[in-house]
Amino acid sequence: MKAVMPVHLNARKRQVLEAIVESHIETAEPVSSRTIARKYHLGVSPATIRNEMADLEEMGLIEQPHTSAGRIPSQPGYRYYVDELMKKRRLTPREERLIRAIFAQKARVWAKLIQRTIKTVKQMTDYLIMLSGPQLEYAALKKVKIIPLLPDNALVVIVAETGWIETRVIELPSEMASEDLQRIEAVFNTHFSGLTFPEISRTILESVYDELLRQRKAVDRILEIIEAVLQEEYGDALYLGGTQNILKQPEYRNLNELYNILNLIEEEDTLRSILLDTASNQITVKIGQELNCEMAKNYSVVTSVYTIGGKAVGAFGLLGPVRMDYARAIAIVEYITQTLSEVLTAEPII
């Protein structure tokens, strides 16, 4: 959502606004004309900068928090900065290697992948980390593998296209041979690969039963396992991290602000709604009132979706004060969702 600005900002006003936003992000303090002149070397006097600041204040892009000479960005000012002034930033090579390293460990369990992701991002930012579980109603079966164990047992490995791998031990009829298991595996992979469970239609099931009439009991048990894996409701889960980190932000030295952020963190449904309200093909930045949530009017979020095979299945985001470092938050969210998408789309290893 882009801000609709009443007038076009000339180059000097853009420089002054950029300086105010970036200085306030760094210090959390009101910014004076003298600070801008000393720190940003715009080639004009503090008096000229004060005139530009007066114009920006009249436009509603900056505001005076109290009687001090300093100004801070308003929410429309932050929006103008994000849309028009902010320079794209990348993570450092070391940070990129750190993120790649956690995903290179081939976590086959969603909970472990969540823990690693949150632990890593906590080292990189002091914002609240939000990650939604994948919407597995979109998950399709990738493959089935059946491994004989004892004479009357087999290990069934179900691989979903989400990258999830589930293993279950089933009992086998006493007359079932290893050749029968190989046949079941081959037929299942031929008929069901690439289908969600609802798409495994009655017609297909009947055709499988016709081919595997002698193995009907084993087939039914394996179908139960496939349904359990593909219909698991991970999508309602919301994972949070970095609560202690966000409380380090200067805003939360104020007891009222501290109380507000702690209340918001407890509102899981509200946070889930904020996180999932993100565009499917780009980074989404929402600032303060743009969240349309009274509890969150003093916060900003940067979110993006992660995908499996190009299909959006979940979201990752950072929530912080309106005075957040948007360029860095965007770089983190973008790199995490890209890497998570690559890992979940890649061929899992059994």
Protein backbone atom coordinates (compact mmCIF):
# COMPACT_ATOMS: atom_id res chain seq x y z
CA MET A 1 0.00 0.00 0.00
CA LYS A 2 1.61 3.27 -1.10
CA ALA A 3 1.02 6.56 0.63
CA VAL A 4 -0.83 9.16 -1.42
CA MET A 5 1.22 12.30 -0.88
CA PRO A 6 -0.35 15.73 -1.33
CA VAL A 7 2.71 17.21 -3.06
CA HIS A 8 5.90 16.07 -4.67
CA LEU A 9 8.98 16.37 -2.44
CA ASN A 10 11.95 18.14 -3.95
CA ALA A 11 15.44 16.70 -3.57
CA ARG A 12 16.33 18.62 -0.41
CA LYS A 13 13.12 17.70 1.40
CA ARG A 14 13.70 14.08 0.47
CA GLN A 15 17.23 14.28 1.91
CA VAL A 16 16.00 15.86 5.14
CA LEU A 17 13.17 13.34 5.57
CA GLU A 18 15.53 10.44 4.88
CA ALA A 19 17.98 11.81 7.44
CA ILE A 20 15.25 12.19 10.10
CA VAL A 21 13.92 8.67 9.55
CA GLU A 22 17.31 6.97 9.58
CA SER A 23 18.56 8.95 12.57
CA HIS A 24 15.40 8.19 14.55
CA ILE A 25 15.61 4.49 13.66
CA GLU A 26 19.17 4.46 14.98
CA THR A 27 18.72 6.48 18.17
CA ALA A 28 14.98 6.43 19.03
CA GLU A 29 15.40 10.14 19.85
CA PRO A 30 13.90 13.25 18.24
CA VAL A 31 16.15 14.64 15.51
CA SER A 32 17.22 18.29 15.41
CA SER A 33 18.30 20.40 12.46
CA ARG A 34 21.74 20.73 14.03
CA THR A 35 22.08 16.93 14.21
CA ILE A 36 21.17 16.60 10.53
CA ALA A 37 23.62 19.33 9.50
CA ARG A 38 26.44 17.78 11.51
CA LYS A 39 25.85 14.14 10.67
CA TYR A 40 24.55 14.12 7.09
CA HIS A 41 26.50 16.95 5.44
CA LEU A 42 23.71 18.17 3.19
CA GLY A 43 25.64 21.30 2.27
CA VAL A 44 23.11 23.72 3.81
CA SER A 45 22.85 25.51 7.14
CA PRO A 46 20.79 24.35 10.16
CA ALA A 47 18.47 27.31 9.49
CA THR A 48 17.71 26.03 5.97
CA ILE A 49 17.15 22.52 7.35
CA ARG A 50 14.73 23.96 9.94
CA ASN A 51 12.72 25.54 7.11
CA GLU A 52 12.55 22.21 5.29
CA MET A 53 11.53 20.49 8.53
CA ALA A 54 8.73 23.02 9.01
CA ASP A 55 7.43 22.20 5.53
CA LEU A 56 7.64 18.46 6.16
CA GLU A 57 5.76 18.91 9.43
CA GLU A 58 3.05 20.87 7.68
CA MET A 59 2.74 18.02 5.16
CA GLY A 60 2.26 15.55 8.02
CA LEU A 61 5.46 13.61 7.32
CA ILE A 62 7.20 14.48 10.59
CA GLU A 63 5.93 15.58 13.97
CA GLN A 64 7.11 17.13 17.20
CA PRO A 65 6.65 14.69 20.10
CA HIS A 66 6.98 17.40 22.76
CA THR A 67 8.39 20.89 23.17
CA SER A 68 11.93 19.89 22.21
CA ALA A 69 13.46 21.21 19.02
CA GLY A 70 13.65 17.71 17.56
CA ARG A 71 11.25 15.98 15.21
CA ILE A 72 10.35 12.34 14.60
CA PRO A 73 8.80 10.73 11.52
CA SER A 74 5.04 10.30 11.46
CA GLN A 75 3.50 7.07 10.19
CA PRO A 76 2.91 8.65 6.74
CA GLY A 77 6.54 9.78 6.87
CA TYR A 78 7.70 6.22 7.42
CA ARG A 79 5.46 5.08 4.58
CA TYR A 80 6.94 7.66 2.22
CA TYR A 81 10.43 6.58 3.30
CA VAL A 82 9.73 2.88 2.67
CA ASP A 83 8.09 3.50 -0.70
CA GLU A 84 10.29 6.27 -2.10
CA LEU A 85 13.56 6.77 -0.22
CA MET A 86 14.74 3.53 1.37
CA LYS A 87 17.71 1.85 -0.25
CA LYS A 88 17.53 -1.90 -0.70
CA ARG A 89 19.85 -3.73 1.67
CA ARG A 90 21.30 -7.22 1.65
CA LEU A 91 22.35 -9.38 4.53
CA THR A 92 26.07 -9.75 5.05
CA PRO A 93 27.75 -12.84 3.55
CA ARG A 94 28.23 -14.13 7.11
CA GLU A 95 24.51 -13.78 7.87
CA GLU A 96 23.57 -15.50 4.63
CA ARG A 97 25.93 -18.38 5.46
CA LEU A 98 24.39 -18.63 8.93
CA ILE A 99 20.89 -18.98 7.49
CA ARG A 100 22.02 -21.45 4.84
CA ALA A 101 23.75 -23.53 7.50
CA ILE A 102 20.58 -24.08 9.55
CA PHE A 103 18.67 -25.29 6.53
CA ALA A 104 21.55 -27.43 5.30
CA GLN A 105 21.08 -29.70 8.31
CA LYS A 106 18.15 -31.42 6.57
CA ALA A 107 15.62 -31.13 9.39
CA ARG A 108 12.85 -33.61 8.58
CA VAL A 109 10.60 -32.51 11.42
CA TRP A 110 8.76 -29.21 11.15
CA ALA A 111 9.27 -28.41 14.85
CA LYS A 112 13.05 -28.70 14.50
CA LEU A 113 13.07 -26.48 11.43
CA ILE A 114 11.01 -23.89 13.33
CA GLN A 115 13.40 -23.97 16.29
CA ARG A 116 16.44 -23.52 14.07
CA THR A 117 14.87 -20.69 12.07
CA ILE A 118 13.76 -18.72 15.13
CA LYS A 119 17.03 -19.29 16.96
CA THR A 120 19.00 -17.97 13.99
CA VAL A 121 16.81 -14.91 13.35
CA LYS A 122 16.95 -14.01 17.06
CA GLN A 123 20.68 -13.51 16.62
CA MET A 124 20.06 -11.04 13.80
CA THR A 125 17.27 -8.76 15.03
CA ASP A 126 15.45 -7.43 18.09
CA TYR A 127 11.97 -7.78 16.61
CA LEU A 128 9.19 -10.27 17.29
CA ILE A 129 9.53 -13.25 14.94
CA MET A 130 6.33 -14.80 13.55
CA LEU A 131 6.11 -17.97 11.48
CA SER A 132 2.93 -19.77 10.45
CA GLY A 133 2.82 -23.50 9.93
CA PRO A 134 2.28 -24.71 6.37
CA GLN A 135 -1.23 -25.05 5.03
CA LEU A 136 -1.04 -28.76 4.34
CA GLU A 137 -4.41 -28.97 2.67
CA TYR A 138 -2.32 -28.05 -0.36
CA ALA A 139 0.13 -30.86 0.30
CA ALA A 140 0.38 -33.65 -2.18
CA LEU A 141 1.91 -37.09 -1.83
CA LYS A 142 5.40 -37.30 -3.28
CA LYS A 143 6.25 -40.94 -2.74
CA VAL A 144 5.68 -44.01 -0.60
CA LYS A 145 8.44 -46.36 0.48
CA ILE A 146 7.81 -49.66 2.22
CA ILE A 147 10.70 -51.36 4.00
CA PRO A 148 10.32 -54.93 5.38
CA LEU A 149 11.34 -55.33 9.02
CA LEU A 150 10.45 -58.46 10.97
CA PRO A 151 8.42 -61.17 9.22
CA ASP A 152 5.13 -59.55 10.26
CA ASN A 153 6.06 -55.83 10.16
CA ALA A 154 7.07 -53.17 7.67
CA LEU A 155 8.18 -49.56 7.91
CA VAL A 156 6.02 -47.27 5.77
CA VAL A 157 7.68 -43.98 4.80
CA ILE A 158 5.30 -41.28 3.53
CA VAL A 159 6.92 -38.31 1.81
CA ALA A 160 4.72 -35.25 1.17
CA GLU A 161 5.62 -32.64 -1.44
CA THR A 162 5.95 -30.18 1.43
CA GLY A 163 9.15 -32.01 2.38
CA TRP A 164 7.55 -33.66 5.40
CA ILE A 165 8.51 -37.26 6.01
CA GLU A 166 6.41 -39.52 8.22
CA THR A 167 7.33 -43.06 9.21
CA ARG A 168 5.00 -45.67 10.69
CA VAL A 169 5.37 -49.36 11.45
CA ILE A 170 2.46 -51.55 10.33
CA GLU A 171 1.62 -55.18 10.94
CA LEU A 172 1.45 -57.40 7.89
CA PRO A 173 -0.67 -60.43 7.14
CA SER A 174 1.41 -63.54 7.75
CA GLU A 175 1.27 -64.60 4.11
CA MET A 176 2.65 -61.32 2.72
CA ALA A 177 6.07 -61.54 1.04
CA SER A 178 8.60 -58.79 0.28
CA GLU A 179 7.57 -58.98 -3.39
CA ASP A 180 4.04 -57.98 -2.34
CA LEU A 181 5.39 -54.92 -0.54
CA GLN A 182 7.37 -53.89 -3.60
CA ARG A 183 4.24 -54.19 -5.71
CA ILE A 184 2.17 -52.07 -3.28
CA GLU A 185 4.88 -49.40 -3.29
CA ALA A 186 5.05 -49.33 -7.09
CA VAL A 187 1.26 -49.13 -7.55
CA PHE A 188 0.86 -46.40 -4.93
CA ASN A 189 3.59 -44.26 -6.47
CA THR A 190 2.15 -44.74 -9.95
CA HIS A 191 -1.41 -43.78 -9.01
CA PHE A 192 -1.06 -41.32 -6.13
CA SER A 193 2.14 -39.34 -6.66
CA GLY A 194 1.37 -35.62 -6.97
CA LEU A 195 -2.18 -35.88 -5.57
CA THR A 196 -3.61 -34.41 -2.37
CA PHE A 197 -5.65 -36.82 -0.31
CA PRO A 198 -9.01 -35.37 -1.46
CA GLU A 199 -7.80 -35.90 -5.03
CA ILE A 200 -7.23 -39.59 -4.43
CA SER A 201 -10.69 -40.25 -5.81
CA ARG A 202 -12.89 -43.29 -5.38
CA THR A 203 -12.28 -44.25 -9.02
CA ILE A 204 -8.52 -44.31 -8.47
CA LEU A 205 -8.93 -46.22 -5.22
CA GLU A 206 -11.07 -48.85 -6.94
CA SER A 207 -8.45 -49.26 -9.63
CA VAL A 208 -5.74 -49.69 -6.97
CA TYR A 209 -7.86 -52.25 -5.13
CA ASP A 210 -8.30 -54.16 -8.39
CA GLU A 211 -4.52 -54.30 -8.84
CA LEU A 212 -3.80 -55.16 -5.21
CA LEU A 213 -6.72 -57.38 -4.33
CA ARG A 214 -4.53 -59.85 -2.40
CA GLN A 215 -2.96 -57.07 -0.35
CA ARG A 216 -6.23 -55.27 0.58
CA LYS A 217 -5.59 -55.14 4.35
CA ALA A 218 -2.13 -53.64 3.97
CA VAL A 219 -3.41 -51.17 1.38
CA ASP A 220 -6.13 -49.91 3.75
CA ARG A 221 -3.63 -49.39 6.57
CA ILE A 222 -1.22 -47.48 4.33
CA LEU A 223 -4.06 -45.27 3.05
CA GLU A 224 -4.93 -44.41 6.64
CA ILE A 225 -1.34 -43.29 7.21
CA ILE A 226 -1.31 -41.20 4.02
CA GLU A 227 -4.52 -39.47 5.06
CA ALA A 228 -3.16 -38.74 8.53
CA VAL A 229 0.02 -37.18 7.11
CA LEU A 230 -1.56 -35.11 4.35
CA GLN A 231 -4.53 -33.91 6.41
CA GLU A 232 -2.48 -32.85 9.45
CA GLU A 233 -3.56 -29.31 10.40
CA TYR A 234 -0.24 -27.55 10.74
CA GLY A 235 -1.70 -24.48 9.07
CA ASP A 236 -3.37 -23.22 12.27
CA ALA A 237 -0.09 -23.16 14.16
CA LEU A 238 1.65 -19.85 14.88
CA TYR A 239 5.23 -19.89 16.13
CA LEU A 240 6.68 -16.86 17.90
CA GLY A 241 10.21 -16.00 18.92
CA GLY A 242 12.26 -13.06 20.06
CA THR A 243 9.88 -11.84 22.77
CA GLN A 244 12.74 -11.01 25.11
CA ASN A 245 14.63 -9.31 22.29
CA ILE A 246 11.81 -6.97 21.32
CA LEU A 247 11.54 -5.79 24.92
CA LYS A 248 15.06 -4.37 24.55
CA GLN A 249 13.67 -1.69 22.22
CA PRO A 250 13.74 1.78 23.87
CA GLU A 251 9.97 2.21 23.35
CA TYR A 252 9.24 -0.45 25.95
CA ARG A 253 10.98 1.34 28.80
CA ASN A 254 7.64 3.10 29.06
CA LEU A 255 5.37 0.92 31.20
CA ASN A 256 2.27 1.61 29.08
CA GLU A 257 4.08 0.61 25.89
CA LEU A 258 5.48 -2.47 27.63
CA TYR A 259 1.99 -3.45 28.76
CA ASN A 260 0.64 -2.97 25.22
CA ILE A 261 3.25 -5.11 23.49
CA LEU A 262 2.91 -7.91 26.05
CA ASN A 263 -0.87 -7.89 25.55
CA LEU A 264 -0.44 -8.03 21.78
CA ILE A 265 1.96 -10.98 22.04
CA GLU A 266 -0.70 -12.89 24.00
CA GLU A 267 -3.29 -12.31 21.26
CA GLU A 268 -2.39 -15.23 19.00
CA ASP A 269 -5.41 -14.84 16.72
CA THR A 270 -4.59 -11.17 16.15
CA LEU A 271 -0.94 -11.92 15.35
CA ARG A 272 -1.94 -14.76 13.03
CA SER A 273 -4.31 -12.45 11.17
CA ILE A 274 -1.59 -9.79 10.86
CA LEU A 275 0.96 -12.32 9.61
CA LEU A 276 -1.27 -14.00 7.06
CA ASP A 277 -2.51 -10.71 5.58
CA THR A 278 0.44 -10.60 3.20
CA ALA A 279 0.77 -10.43 -0.55
CA SER A 280 1.42 -13.74 -2.27
CA ASN A 281 4.25 -12.57 -4.50
CA GLN A 282 6.13 -9.79 -2.69
CA ILE A 283 7.35 -8.42 0.61
CA THR A 284 4.54 -6.68 2.50
CA VAL A 285 5.25 -3.72 4.79
CA LYS A 286 2.43 -2.39 6.96
CA ILE A 287 2.95 0.59 9.22
CA GLY A 288 0.88 1.40 12.29
CA GLN A 289 -2.67 2.31 11.34
CA GLU A 290 -2.35 0.35 8.07
CA LEU A 291 -2.72 -2.82 10.16
CA ASN A 292 -6.35 -1.86 10.86
CA CYS A 293 -5.96 -3.14 14.40
CA GLU A 294 -6.27 -0.88 17.42
CA MET A 295 -3.93 -3.05 19.48
CA ALA A 296 -1.23 -2.87 16.79
CA LYS A 297 -1.51 0.80 15.81
CA ASN A 298 1.95 1.59 17.22
CA TYR A 299 3.71 -1.30 15.48
CA SER A 300 4.89 -2.20 12.02
CA VAL A 301 5.27 -5.57 10.34
CA VAL A 302 7.31 -6.88 7.43
CA THR A 303 5.99 -10.17 6.06
CA SER A 304 6.31 -12.51 3.12
CA VAL A 305 5.07 -15.96 2.17
CA TYR A 306 7.13 -19.09 1.74
CA THR A 307 6.22 -21.52 -1.00
CA ILE A 308 6.41 -25.13 -2.05
CA GLY A 309 6.79 -25.59 -5.78
CA GLY A 310 5.77 -21.96 -6.27
CA LYS A 311 2.56 -22.31 -4.23
CA ALA A 312 2.27 -20.15 -1.09
CA VAL A 313 1.75 -22.35 1.97
CA GLY A 314 2.76 -20.18 4.96
CA ALA A 315 4.18 -16.85 6.05
CA PHE A 316 7.13 -15.42 7.94
CA GLY A 317 7.36 -11.94 9.40
CA LEU A 318 8.90 -9.51 11.84
CA LEU A 319 6.92 -7.17 14.09
CA GLY A 320 8.46 -4.18 15.80
CA PRO A 321 7.88 -0.56 16.74
CA VAL A 322 7.00 1.86 13.94
CA ARG A 323 10.62 3.02 14.34
CA MET A 324 11.90 -0.25 12.90
CA ASP A 325 14.84 -0.61 10.56
CA TYR A 326 12.72 -1.43 7.51
CA ALA A 327 15.59 -2.02 5.11
CA ARG A 328 17.18 -4.62 7.38
CA ALA A 329 13.85 -6.23 8.31
CA ILE A 330 12.99 -6.58 4.62
CA ALA A 331 16.40 -8.14 3.87
CA ILE A 332 15.93 -10.71 6.66
CA VAL A 333 12.34 -11.62 5.73
CA GLU A 334 13.17 -11.86 2.05
CA TYR A 335 16.18 -14.13 2.56
CA ILE A 336 14.47 -16.38 5.11
CA THR A 337 11.37 -16.96 2.98
CA GLN A 338 13.41 -17.54 -0.18
CA THR A 339 15.65 -20.07 1.56
CA LEU A 340 12.77 -21.79 3.36
CA SER A 341 10.93 -22.11 0.04
CA GLU A 342 13.97 -23.65 -1.62
CA VAL A 343 14.43 -26.17 1.19
CA LEU A 344 10.78 -27.23 1.31
CA THR A 345 10.58 -27.57 -2.47
CA ALA A 346 13.79 -29.59 -2.73
CA GLU A 347 13.82 -33.37 -2.92
CA PRO A 348 13.78 -34.74 0.63
CA ILE A 349 16.35 -37.37 1.58
CA ILE A 350 15.08 -40.62 3.05
